[in-house]
Amino acid sequence: MWGLWWVWVALALGLAILEVLLPVFVFLGFALGAGVTGLILLIGGGPALWMAASLPRLLVVFAVISVVAWILLRWAVGVRKGQIKVWDRDINED
């Protein structure tokens, strides 16, 4: 089942939807990793490597692509200087 390309694309779509619904910045890297893994399976990615696409190989590819995607996304749209607001006083003190 994990060797089918559409399973990885469906996982990518689910993770992308989860990224939109939850206020975190984690699932987008995983969604990109799953999507690229699905595209590699769809294209073929080299007959010697992907003819026997085992789950451990696919998980390693997914993990590497996800980490690289997360690092690139964090670098591109991560926390900017001055983005965090620190409150000095409470509005209820008056």
Protein backbone atom coordinates (compact mmCIF):
# COMPACT_ATOMS: atom_id res chain seq x y z
CA MET A 1 0.00 0.00 0.00
CA TRP A 2 2.78 2.48 0.86
CA GLY A 3 4.37 1.95 -2.55
CA LEU A 4 1.40 3.57 -4.27
CA TRP A 5 1.92 7.17 -5.29
CA TRP A 6 -1.63 8.31 -4.58
CA VAL A 7 -1.38 7.25 -0.93
CA TRP A 8 1.50 9.70 -0.43
CA VAL A 9 -0.32 12.45 -2.32
CA ALA A 10 -3.44 11.87 -0.21
CA LEU A 11 -1.27 12.05 2.92
CA ALA A 12 0.23 15.31 1.63
CA LEU A 13 -3.21 16.75 1.04
CA GLY A 14 -4.37 15.73 4.51
CA LEU A 15 -1.29 17.27 6.13
CA ALA A 16 -1.74 20.47 4.14
CA ILE A 17 -5.35 20.73 5.31
CA LEU A 18 -4.21 20.08 8.87
CA GLU A 19 -1.67 22.90 8.51
CA VAL A 20 -4.46 25.29 7.53
CA LEU A 21 -6.74 24.22 10.39
CA LEU A 22 -4.16 24.18 13.21
CA PRO A 23 -2.10 27.24 14.14
CA VAL A 24 1.32 25.55 13.91
CA PHE A 25 4.15 25.63 11.41
CA VAL A 26 5.05 21.95 11.36
CA PHE A 27 2.72 20.10 9.02
CA LEU A 28 3.63 22.05 5.87
CA GLY A 29 7.12 20.54 5.73
CA PHE A 30 5.66 17.08 6.20
CA ALA A 31 3.06 17.78 3.50
CA LEU A 32 5.78 18.80 1.06
CA GLY A 33 7.79 15.70 1.97
CA ALA A 34 4.82 13.42 1.36
CA GLY A 35 3.95 15.18 -1.90
CA VAL A 36 7.48 14.93 -3.28
CA THR A 37 7.66 11.27 -2.21
CA GLY A 38 4.41 10.65 -4.09
CA LEU A 39 5.78 12.42 -7.16
CA ILE A 40 8.96 10.34 -7.03
CA LEU A 41 6.85 7.19 -6.93
CA LEU A 42 4.68 8.45 -9.79
CA ILE A 43 7.62 9.29 -12.02
CA GLY A 44 9.53 6.15 -11.14
CA GLY A 45 12.63 7.68 -9.59
CA GLY A 46 15.07 5.15 -11.04
CA PRO A 47 14.18 1.53 -11.64
CA ALA A 48 16.87 -0.03 -9.44
CA LEU A 49 15.93 2.04 -6.39
CA TRP A 50 12.15 2.12 -6.65
CA MET A 51 11.20 -1.21 -8.19
CA ALA A 52 11.07 -2.64 -4.69
CA ALA A 53 9.86 0.47 -2.90
CA SER A 54 9.88 -0.81 0.65
CA LEU A 55 8.37 1.10 3.53
CA PRO A 56 11.71 1.79 5.30
CA ARG A 57 13.19 3.30 2.11
CA LEU A 58 10.13 5.43 1.53
CA LEU A 59 10.13 6.62 5.14
CA VAL A 60 13.79 7.64 4.89
CA VAL A 61 13.11 9.57 1.67
CA PHE A 62 10.03 11.15 3.25
CA ALA A 63 11.97 12.14 6.38
CA VAL A 64 14.90 13.65 4.48
CA ILE A 65 12.67 15.63 2.12
CA SER A 66 10.47 16.79 5.02
CA VAL A 67 13.42 18.05 7.07
CA VAL A 68 14.92 19.87 4.10
CA ALA A 69 11.53 21.39 3.22
CA TRP A 70 10.94 22.47 6.83
CA ILE A 71 14.39 24.08 7.08
CA LEU A 72 13.88 25.94 3.79
CA LEU A 73 10.40 27.08 4.82
CA ARG A 74 11.68 28.20 8.21
CA TRP A 75 14.44 30.15 6.50
CA ALA A 76 12.06 31.72 3.97
CA VAL A 77 9.06 32.60 6.17
CA GLY A 78 10.29 31.99 9.69
CA VAL A 79 10.30 34.28 12.69
CA ARG A 80 11.38 37.78 11.75
CA LYS A 81 13.11 40.25 14.04
CA GLY A 82 10.54 42.29 15.93
CA GLN A 83 7.72 39.90 15.18
CA ILE A 84 7.16 38.98 18.82
CA LYS A 85 5.26 41.52 20.93
CA VAL A 86 6.18 41.78 24.60
CA TRP A 87 3.55 43.47 26.79
CA ASP A 88 4.89 45.76 29.51
CA ARG A 89 1.62 46.48 31.27
CA ASP A 90 -1.78 44.93 31.55
CA ILE A 91 -4.78 46.82 30.13
CA ASN A 92 -6.77 45.90 33.25
CA GLU A 93 -4.41 47.77 35.59
CA ASP A 94 -6.10 51.15 35.03
